[in-house]
Amino acid sequence: MIVMQKYDIAIIGGGVLGTTISYWLSTLYDLKICLIEKEHDVALHSSTRNSGVIHYPFYIDPKKKKNFARAAFLSHDMWKVLANENNIPWVQGGTIEIALDEDQHKTLEKYMALGKENGLTEEDISILDSNELKQKEPNLNCHSGLYCTKEGSTNYGLLTKSVSELSKNNGTNFLLKHNVKYIEETSKQVNIIFSDNSSLTANFVINCAGGNSLDVAKKFRLLKDYSDLHFRGEYWVADSNIANLVKTNVYTVPRYPEFPFLDPHWIKRANGETEIGPNAVPVDSPEAYDSFITDIPTALSKITDIVTGSTKKLLLNTDFISLISKEFLSSISKSAMVERVKKFIPAIKPEDFPKRGTAGIRTPVISPEGNFVSEMIEIEGKNSFHIVNYNTPGATGAPAYSAFVVKKLQEKGILKQPKNQKDSIWDFNKIIEQA
């Protein structure tokens, strides 16, 4: 076995969250820090494979999802500063969350109240009736809509890579192509063994491995009664002749908020393309972008997890099973996907969408009772801290939420108060004061 060097802190996961955590730690402390990523580069999965929408928390209940809501609110301007400094696309064209009937309109009224609780002003969000929306977007048909001026689109993959360069400049060692195979956590340290049988030791480990974070937590003997499911979200790219039929991002009020089935969006991407989607198709791994089954061993492992874990309780829910069948249909039929969007943009046709967009995968966690967990899970090991179920709007909120994590580790005495903070593009103390 090749024994690698010892680190003060090892971070597992090179997505937007792990990378921003590494940046804060390397900015605030003179510690030996490494970031472990199984791919050849950072941000190759959910951090890049997402809609790119800059979310503002008008739809998040701060009582149920305080961390998500506050992080999204504070991170908006943080990302904007980084994007401007690195010439990364930042298109602030706004988003309209639409209601198709009076019942959904009542949800928009709730969103207005939530938005104000989360710090948004009347300049940021307003409710428009169908006539007002027609003046703004003539090709949009709906009952009403909540218009958020500050939402837009960017490229979170490029933002993450920019953060990784800043972290490297601070001394973080990025260990790419390192797939965690086995973990031994003692009262003094954590030993990590990789697939090539090389290893390292760390005084403390932070697990933020995205779609693999529950699997990593279980390697630490944590969250053993929890399960997860992987849902692929697929998109179709609009032909250029209809790409500006509607010039604003359009979301619809979720019909089934208790399930991770996203209702259709009309997305204006930062690269100028327009896409429709997503659906939520069950797949066997967080990297099954092009098929339903990655390989036989992966599929069998996931099936075993389903039939022996908490997911089996969810499969007894007939509403859930019915919705899954509809999601499969929208995956194999472009027309089925287009029909969803025609309800509010009636002028579109299947032939207007000649190619598939970039698919992404969400991995919601299922509780021992068989319910989807709504908030992220934070749990401690002997010498580790785990962030599991970090889903949307996770990319938007990563800079601020990662600062929250560092502050929490300070309060627990795991990290000391910093003495010699390096120059930083973001102000740690200002973020914490506003948390």
Protein backbone atom coordinates (compact mmCIF):
# COMPACT_ATOMS: atom_id res chain seq x y z
CA MET A 1 0.00 0.00 0.00
CA ILE A 2 1.27 3.47 -0.92
CA VAL A 3 0.90 5.67 2.17
CA MET A 4 0.30 9.32 1.37
CA GLN A 5 0.98 12.29 3.63
CA LYS A 6 -1.13 13.46 6.53
CA TYR A 7 -3.47 16.45 6.37
CA ASP A 8 -5.13 18.64 8.95
CA ILE A 9 -8.40 18.65 6.98
CA ALA A 10 -9.54 16.52 4.04
CA ILE A 11 -12.64 17.49 2.06
CA ILE A 12 -14.40 14.76 0.08
CA GLY A 13 -16.16 16.14 -3.00
CA GLY A 14 -14.95 18.58 -5.65
CA GLY A 15 -18.28 20.14 -6.49
CA VAL A 16 -19.36 23.69 -5.81
CA LEU A 17 -19.82 23.08 -2.08
CA GLY A 18 -16.57 21.24 -1.38
CA THR A 19 -14.62 23.75 -3.44
CA THR A 20 -16.06 26.80 -1.66
CA ILE A 21 -15.47 25.17 1.74
CA SER A 22 -11.85 24.58 0.73
CA TYR A 23 -11.58 28.23 -0.27
CA TRP A 24 -12.81 29.53 3.08
CA LEU A 25 -10.60 27.18 5.09
CA SER A 26 -7.52 28.02 3.02
CA THR A 27 -8.29 31.76 3.30
CA LEU A 28 -8.85 31.78 7.05
CA TYR A 29 -6.23 29.26 8.21
CA ASP A 30 -2.67 28.12 7.60
CA LEU A 31 -3.59 24.44 7.65
CA LYS A 32 -2.61 21.51 5.49
CA ILE A 33 -5.80 20.99 3.47
CA CYS A 34 -6.66 18.61 0.65
CA LEU A 35 -9.75 18.22 -1.48
CA ILE A 36 -10.49 14.69 -2.75
CA GLU A 37 -12.31 14.31 -6.06
CA LYS A 38 -12.79 11.06 -7.97
CA GLU A 39 -13.01 12.78 -11.40
CA HIS A 40 -10.19 14.38 -13.40
CA ASP A 41 -11.46 17.89 -12.61
CA VAL A 42 -13.79 19.72 -10.24
CA ALA A 43 -17.47 20.43 -10.93
CA LEU A 44 -18.07 17.70 -13.51
CA HIS A 45 -21.43 16.61 -12.10
CA SER A 46 -24.28 18.60 -10.48
CA SER A 47 -22.21 21.76 -10.19
CA THR A 48 -22.10 22.00 -13.99
CA ARG A 49 -25.04 19.83 -14.96
CA ASN A 50 -27.75 22.17 -13.73
CA SER A 51 -29.99 24.85 -15.21
CA GLY A 52 -27.55 27.62 -14.33
CA VAL A 53 -30.38 29.66 -12.82
CA ILE A 54 -29.44 32.22 -10.18
CA HIS A 55 -32.13 31.54 -7.59
CA TYR A 56 -33.52 34.09 -5.19
CA PRO A 57 -35.39 32.61 -2.18
CA PHE A 58 -38.92 33.83 -2.79
CA TYR A 59 -40.31 30.29 -2.72
CA ILE A 60 -38.37 28.85 0.26
CA ASP A 61 -39.95 28.61 3.70
CA PRO A 62 -37.27 30.02 6.07
CA LYS A 63 -38.74 28.07 8.98
CA LYS A 64 -38.33 24.73 7.20
CA LYS A 65 -35.23 25.53 5.12
CA LYS A 66 -33.48 28.36 6.91
CA ASN A 67 -29.98 27.49 5.69
CA PHE A 68 -31.04 27.15 2.05
CA ALA A 69 -33.03 30.40 2.15
CA ARG A 70 -30.43 32.58 3.85
CA ALA A 71 -27.54 31.15 1.84
CA ALA A 72 -29.31 31.77 -1.48
CA PHE A 73 -30.11 35.36 -0.48
CA LEU A 74 -26.55 36.20 0.60
CA SER A 75 -24.73 34.30 -2.15
CA HIS A 76 -26.38 36.12 -5.06
CA ASP A 77 -24.09 39.15 -4.87
CA MET A 78 -21.08 37.01 -3.90
CA TRP A 79 -21.32 35.02 -7.12
CA LYS A 80 -21.92 38.20 -9.11
CA VAL A 81 -18.63 39.70 -7.88
CA LEU A 82 -16.71 36.53 -8.82
CA ALA A 83 -18.42 36.32 -12.22
CA ASN A 84 -17.57 39.93 -13.05
CA GLU A 85 -13.92 39.50 -12.03
CA ASN A 86 -13.51 36.40 -14.20
CA ASN A 87 -15.69 37.37 -17.19
CA ILE A 88 -18.11 34.52 -16.47
CA PRO A 89 -21.58 34.98 -18.04
CA TRP A 90 -24.11 36.60 -15.72
CA VAL A 91 -27.48 37.31 -17.33
CA GLN A 92 -29.97 38.86 -14.91
CA GLY A 93 -33.13 38.66 -17.01
CA GLY A 94 -35.49 37.67 -14.21
CA THR A 95 -37.84 34.74 -13.60
CA ILE A 96 -41.61 34.46 -13.70
CA GLU A 97 -43.18 31.78 -11.50
CA ILE A 98 -46.60 31.25 -13.06
CA ALA A 99 -49.96 30.07 -11.75
CA LEU A 100 -52.34 28.34 -14.15
CA ASP A 101 -55.42 28.74 -11.95
CA GLU A 102 -56.73 30.43 -8.82
CA ASP A 103 -55.48 27.69 -6.47
CA GLN A 104 -51.94 28.09 -7.79
CA HIS A 105 -52.33 31.86 -7.52
CA LYS A 106 -52.81 31.42 -3.77
CA THR A 107 -49.43 29.70 -3.72
CA LEU A 108 -47.91 32.76 -5.38
CA GLU A 109 -49.37 34.92 -2.62
CA LYS A 110 -47.69 32.64 -0.07
CA TYR A 111 -44.43 32.99 -2.02
CA MET A 112 -44.68 36.79 -1.80
CA ALA A 113 -44.90 36.53 1.99
CA LEU A 114 -42.01 34.04 2.13
CA GLY A 115 -39.92 36.23 -0.13
CA LYS A 116 -40.35 39.21 2.16
CA GLU A 117 -39.48 37.04 5.18
CA ASN A 118 -36.28 36.10 3.36
CA GLY A 119 -35.29 39.72 2.77
CA LEU A 120 -36.66 40.46 -0.70
CA THR A 121 -38.30 43.83 -1.35
CA GLU A 122 -41.16 44.93 -3.61
CA GLU A 123 -38.52 45.97 -6.14
CA ASP A 124 -37.32 42.35 -6.21
CA ILE A 125 -40.68 40.53 -6.45
CA SER A 126 -44.19 41.41 -7.54
CA ILE A 127 -47.33 39.55 -8.62
CA LEU A 128 -48.63 40.32 -12.11
CA ASP A 129 -52.05 39.38 -13.47
CA SER A 130 -52.55 37.78 -16.89
CA ASN A 131 -52.93 41.13 -18.68
CA GLU A 132 -49.77 42.55 -17.13
CA LEU A 133 -47.89 39.39 -18.09
CA LYS A 134 -49.22 39.62 -21.67
CA GLN A 135 -47.71 43.08 -21.93
CA LYS A 136 -44.37 41.76 -20.72
CA GLU A 137 -44.44 38.37 -22.50
CA PRO A 138 -47.11 38.24 -25.27
CA ASN A 139 -46.59 34.50 -25.88
CA LEU A 140 -47.08 33.49 -22.26
CA ASN A 141 -50.55 32.22 -21.26
CA CYS A 142 -51.35 31.88 -17.57
CA HIS A 143 -53.60 33.07 -14.74
CA SER A 144 -50.92 35.15 -12.99
CA GLY A 145 -47.22 35.19 -12.19
CA LEU A 146 -44.72 36.20 -9.57
CA TYR A 147 -41.95 38.18 -11.25
CA CYS A 148 -38.51 38.15 -9.57
CA THR A 149 -36.20 40.72 -11.15
CA LYS A 150 -32.95 39.46 -9.59
CA GLU A 151 -33.03 35.94 -10.95
CA GLY A 152 -31.15 35.08 -14.10
CA SER A 153 -28.53 32.64 -15.35
CA THR A 154 -24.82 31.96 -15.02
CA ASN A 155 -22.37 29.06 -15.36
CA TYR A 156 -21.77 27.40 -11.98
CA GLY A 157 -19.15 25.06 -13.42
CA LEU A 158 -16.95 28.01 -14.44
CA LEU A 159 -17.60 29.72 -11.11
CA THR A 160 -16.54 26.56 -9.24
CA LYS A 161 -13.34 26.29 -11.28
CA SER A 162 -12.54 29.93 -10.50
CA VAL A 163 -12.98 29.23 -6.78
CA SER A 164 -10.77 26.15 -7.06
CA GLU A 165 -7.95 28.27 -8.53
CA LEU A 166 -8.25 30.72 -5.64
CA SER A 167 -8.16 27.82 -3.19
CA LYS A 168 -5.11 26.31 -4.88
CA ASN A 169 -3.35 29.67 -4.68
CA ASN A 170 -3.99 29.55 -0.93
CA GLY A 171 -2.28 26.17 -0.70
CA THR A 172 -5.12 23.61 -0.96
CA ASN A 173 -3.95 20.34 -2.53
CA PHE A 174 -6.56 19.08 -5.03
CA LEU A 175 -6.28 15.27 -5.23
CA LEU A 176 -8.06 14.48 -8.49
CA LYS A 177 -8.80 10.95 -9.74
CA HIS A 178 -8.95 9.70 -6.13
CA ASN A 179 -11.97 7.46 -5.54
CA VAL A 180 -12.64 6.71 -1.86
CA LYS A 181 -12.87 2.96 -1.30
CA TYR A 182 -12.72 2.50 2.47
CA ILE A 183 -12.64 4.74 5.55
CA GLU A 184 -11.46 4.02 9.07
CA GLU A 185 -12.41 6.69 11.62
CA THR A 186 -10.74 6.49 15.02
CA SER A 187 -10.91 8.82 18.02
CA LYS A 188 -7.73 10.54 16.83
CA GLN A 189 -7.82 10.62 13.03
CA VAL A 190 -9.40 9.38 9.82
CA ASN A 191 -7.68 6.94 7.46
CA ILE A 192 -8.87 7.06 3.85
CA ILE A 193 -8.01 4.28 1.41
CA PHE A 194 -8.54 4.82 -2.32
CA SER A 195 -9.41 2.42 -5.12
CA ASP A 196 -5.76 2.18 -6.20
CA ASN A 197 -4.89 1.19 -2.60
CA SER A 198 -3.07 4.45 -1.91
CA SER A 199 -4.12 6.18 1.30
CA LEU A 200 -3.95 9.29 3.43
CA THR A 201 -4.73 10.29 6.99
CA ALA A 202 -6.44 13.45 8.19
CA ASN A 203 -7.19 14.92 11.58
CA PHE A 204 -10.64 15.89 10.34
CA VAL A 205 -12.78 15.13 7.27
CA ILE A 206 -15.64 17.11 5.71
CA ASN A 207 -17.96 15.06 3.49
CA CYS A 208 -19.79 17.06 0.84
CA ALA A 209 -19.78 14.54 -2.00
CA GLY A 210 -23.12 15.53 -3.55
CA GLY A 211 -24.97 12.56 -5.02
CA ASN A 212 -22.46 10.24 -3.32
CA SER A 213 -22.55 11.95 0.08
CA LEU A 214 -24.88 9.41 1.71
CA ASP A 215 -22.66 6.55 0.48
CA VAL A 216 -19.63 8.31 1.95
CA ALA A 217 -21.44 8.90 5.27
CA LYS A 218 -22.24 5.20 5.43
CA LYS A 219 -18.52 4.44 5.05
CA PHE A 220 -18.21 6.35 8.35
CA ARG A 221 -20.99 4.09 9.79
CA LEU A 222 -23.46 7.00 9.83
CA LEU A 223 -27.07 7.36 8.55
CA LYS A 224 -27.34 3.61 8.08
CA ASP A 225 -31.16 3.69 8.11
CA TYR A 226 -31.38 6.32 5.35
CA SER A 227 -31.62 5.69 1.61
CA ASP A 228 -31.52 7.82 -1.49
CA LEU A 229 -32.87 7.83 -5.02
CA HIS A 230 -31.30 9.32 -8.13
CA PHE A 231 -33.52 11.28 -10.52
CA ARG A 232 -32.24 12.40 -13.90
CA GLY A 233 -33.58 15.73 -15.13
CA GLU A 234 -33.65 15.98 -18.91
CA TYR A 235 -33.95 19.05 -21.12
CA TRP A 236 -34.61 19.86 -24.78
CA VAL A 237 -32.90 22.77 -26.56
CA ALA A 238 -35.09 25.19 -28.50
CA ASP A 239 -34.30 26.03 -32.11
CA SER A 240 -32.96 29.56 -32.50
CA ASN A 241 -36.08 30.73 -34.35
CA ILE A 242 -38.24 30.28 -31.22
CA ALA A 243 -35.60 30.77 -28.52
CA ASN A 244 -36.86 34.28 -27.73
CA LEU A 245 -40.55 33.47 -27.91
CA VAL A 246 -40.45 34.24 -24.18
CA LYS A 247 -37.47 36.29 -23.00
CA THR A 248 -37.71 35.47 -19.29
CA ASN A 249 -37.13 32.28 -17.30
CA VAL A 250 -40.52 30.68 -16.61
CA TYR A 251 -41.20 28.28 -13.74
CA THR A 252 -44.54 26.77 -12.76
CA VAL A 253 -45.99 26.31 -9.28
CA PRO A 254 -45.14 22.73 -8.18
CA ARG A 255 -48.14 20.41 -8.25
CA TYR A 256 -46.51 17.83 -5.98
CA PRO A 257 -44.19 19.71 -3.58
CA GLU A 258 -43.77 16.63 -1.36
CA PHE A 259 -42.04 14.78 -4.22
CA PRO A 260 -38.88 15.72 -6.17
CA PHE A 261 -40.75 15.96 -9.47
CA LEU A 262 -39.99 19.35 -10.95
CA ASP A 263 -42.73 20.95 -12.99
CA PRO A 264 -41.69 22.22 -16.43
CA HIS A 265 -39.44 25.23 -16.87
CA TRP A 266 -38.58 27.51 -19.78
CA ILE A 267 -34.91 28.30 -19.14
CA LYS A 268 -32.83 31.10 -20.64
CA ARG A 269 -29.27 29.85 -20.28
CA ALA A 270 -26.26 32.11 -19.89
CA ASN A 271 -24.84 30.83 -23.21
CA GLY A 272 -27.85 32.25 -25.07
CA GLU A 273 -29.69 28.96 -25.55
CA THR A 274 -33.25 28.29 -24.41
CA GLU A 275 -34.27 24.92 -22.95
CA ILE A 276 -37.40 23.24 -21.65
CA GLY A 277 -37.47 20.67 -18.87
CA PRO A 278 -36.77 18.98 -16.58
CA ASN A 279 -38.47 15.73 -15.78
CA ALA A 280 -37.36 13.41 -12.95
CA VAL A 281 -36.50 9.94 -14.23
CA PRO A 282 -35.26 7.33 -11.71
CA VAL A 283 -31.78 5.99 -12.54
CA ASP A 284 -29.33 3.76 -10.73
CA SER A 285 -26.48 6.20 -9.99
CA PRO A 286 -25.69 9.92 -9.69
CA GLU A 287 -23.76 9.69 -12.97
CA ALA A 288 -26.34 7.89 -15.17
CA TYR A 289 -26.71 10.73 -17.67
CA ASP A 290 -27.35 8.76 -20.84
CA SER A 291 -29.10 5.55 -19.76
CA PHE A 292 -31.32 4.16 -17.02
CA ILE A 293 -28.67 1.63 -15.90
CA THR A 294 -24.97 2.47 -15.53
CA ASP A 295 -23.83 -1.16 -15.30
CA ILE A 296 -25.14 -4.41 -13.83
CA PRO A 297 -23.25 -4.25 -10.49
CA THR A 298 -24.38 -0.65 -9.90
CA ALA A 299 -27.97 -1.49 -10.77
CA LEU A 300 -28.01 -4.56 -8.53
CA SER A 301 -26.50 -2.58 -5.66
CA LYS A 302 -29.20 0.10 -6.00
CA ILE A 303 -31.99 -2.48 -6.21
CA THR A 304 -30.67 -4.14 -3.05
CA ASP A 305 -30.60 -0.78 -1.29
CA ILE A 306 -34.19 -0.11 -2.35
CA VAL A 307 -35.65 -3.42 -1.23
CA THR A 308 -33.78 -3.47 2.09
CA GLY A 309 -33.82 0.25 2.97
CA SER A 310 -36.32 2.99 3.68
CA THR A 311 -37.10 3.45 -0.03
CA LYS A 312 -39.31 0.35 -0.03
CA LYS A 313 -41.84 2.23 2.13
CA LEU A 314 -41.97 4.99 -0.46
CA LEU A 315 -42.72 2.45 -3.20
CA LEU A 316 -45.97 1.59 -1.44
CA ASN A 317 -47.20 5.12 -2.21
CA THR A 318 -49.46 4.76 -5.27
CA ASP A 319 -49.27 8.50 -6.09
CA PHE A 320 -45.49 8.25 -6.24
CA ILE A 321 -45.56 5.23 -8.54
CA SER A 322 -48.09 6.92 -10.83
CA LEU A 323 -45.90 10.00 -11.12
CA ILE A 324 -42.82 7.90 -11.92
CA SER A 325 -44.63 6.35 -14.90
CA LYS A 326 -45.39 9.83 -16.28
CA GLU A 327 -41.78 10.87 -15.84
CA PHE A 328 -40.62 7.85 -17.85
CA LEU A 329 -43.03 8.83 -20.62
CA SER A 330 -41.58 12.34 -20.81
CA SER A 331 -38.11 10.78 -21.09
CA ILE A 332 -38.85 8.60 -24.10
CA SER A 333 -41.24 11.04 -25.77
CA LYS A 334 -40.21 14.57 -26.72
CA SER A 335 -43.85 15.32 -27.48
CA ALA A 336 -44.81 14.47 -23.89
CA MET A 337 -42.25 16.96 -22.60
CA VAL A 338 -43.38 19.66 -25.03
CA GLU A 339 -47.04 19.15 -24.09
CA ARG A 340 -46.17 20.12 -20.51
CA VAL A 341 -44.83 23.48 -21.67
CA LYS A 342 -47.58 24.10 -24.24
CA LYS A 343 -49.94 24.65 -21.32
CA PHE A 344 -48.35 28.07 -20.83
CA ILE A 345 -46.49 28.68 -24.11
CA PRO A 346 -49.03 27.30 -26.64
CA ALA A 347 -47.10 28.36 -29.76
CA ILE A 348 -44.34 25.74 -29.40
CA LYS A 349 -44.22 22.41 -31.28
CA PRO A 350 -42.07 19.27 -30.85
CA GLU A 351 -40.11 20.04 -34.02
CA ASP A 352 -38.98 23.32 -32.42
CA PHE A 353 -36.66 21.31 -30.15
CA PRO A 354 -34.11 19.49 -32.36
CA LYS A 355 -31.67 18.23 -29.71
CA ARG A 356 -31.44 17.18 -26.09
CA GLY A 357 -29.85 19.50 -23.55
CA THR A 358 -27.49 18.64 -20.72
CA ALA A 359 -29.00 16.16 -18.27
CA GLY A 360 -28.40 16.51 -14.55
CA ILE A 361 -29.16 14.29 -11.57
CA ARG A 362 -30.70 15.15 -8.19
CA THR A 363 -30.29 12.71 -5.31
CA PRO A 364 -32.91 13.30 -2.60
CA VAL A 365 -32.48 11.39 0.64
CA ILE A 366 -35.26 9.23 2.11
CA SER A 367 -35.80 9.06 5.86
CA PRO A 368 -36.17 5.79 7.81
CA GLU A 369 -39.93 6.48 7.75
CA GLY A 370 -39.94 6.46 3.94
CA ASN A 371 -40.33 10.19 3.33
CA PHE A 372 -38.24 12.57 1.26
CA VAL A 373 -36.05 14.73 3.52
CA SER A 374 -36.62 18.41 2.72
CA GLU A 375 -33.64 20.08 4.44
CA MET A 376 -30.00 19.17 4.12
CA ILE A 377 -28.69 16.79 6.78
CA GLU A 378 -25.70 17.84 8.88
CA ILE A 379 -24.23 15.12 11.07
CA GLU A 380 -20.98 14.66 12.99
CA GLY A 381 -18.72 11.66 13.27
CA LYS A 382 -15.82 11.20 15.68
CA ASN A 383 -13.57 13.38 13.54
CA SER A 384 -15.81 14.24 10.63
CA PHE A 385 -18.67 16.48 9.51
CA HIS A 386 -21.13 15.39 6.83
CA ILE A 387 -23.42 17.43 4.59
CA VAL A 388 -25.97 15.15 2.95
CA ASN A 389 -29.03 15.95 0.82
CA TYR A 390 -27.60 19.26 -0.39
CA ASN A 391 -29.97 19.93 -3.29
CA THR A 392 -31.39 22.90 -5.16
CA PRO A 393 -30.80 25.83 -4.76
CA GLY A 394 -27.49 24.48 -3.51
CA ALA A 395 -25.31 25.88 -6.30
CA THR A 396 -26.72 29.36 -5.78
CA GLY A 397 -26.20 29.27 -2.02
CA ALA A 398 -22.79 27.56 -1.86
CA PRO A 399 -20.52 30.56 -1.05
CA ALA A 400 -22.56 31.65 1.97
CA TYR A 401 -23.56 28.17 3.15
CA SER A 402 -19.93 27.02 3.08
CA ALA A 403 -19.11 29.99 5.34
CA PHE A 404 -21.92 28.84 7.67
CA VAL A 405 -20.27 25.40 7.82
CA VAL A 406 -16.89 26.88 8.76
CA LYS A 407 -18.54 29.02 11.44
CA LYS A 408 -20.33 25.96 12.84
CA LEU A 409 -17.02 24.09 13.08
CA GLN A 410 -15.57 27.08 14.92
CA GLU A 411 -18.46 27.12 17.40
CA LYS A 412 -17.98 23.39 18.05
CA GLY A 413 -14.31 23.98 18.84
CA ILE A 414 -13.15 21.90 15.87
CA LEU A 415 -11.62 25.02 14.30
CA LYS A 416 -9.98 27.83 16.25
CA GLN A 417 -10.78 31.47 15.62
CA PRO A 418 -8.72 32.61 12.60
CA LYS A 419 -5.80 34.99 13.19
CA ASN A 420 -4.25 35.88 9.84
CA GLN A 421 -6.93 35.89 7.15
CA LYS A 422 -5.55 36.07 3.63
CA ASP A 423 -6.89 38.54 1.09
CA SER A 424 -10.30 37.34 -0.04
CA ILE A 425 -12.78 38.13 -2.77
CA TRP A 426 -15.55 37.69 -0.15
CA ASP A 427 -15.80 38.97 3.43
CA PHE A 428 -16.28 36.06 5.83
CA ASN A 429 -17.24 38.16 8.87
CA LYS A 430 -19.80 40.18 6.92
CA ILE A 431 -21.51 37.00 5.72
CA ILE A 432 -21.63 35.50 9.20
CA GLU A 433 -23.03 38.73 10.66
CA GLN A 434 -25.92 38.52 8.15
CA ALA A 435 -26.57 34.79 8.60
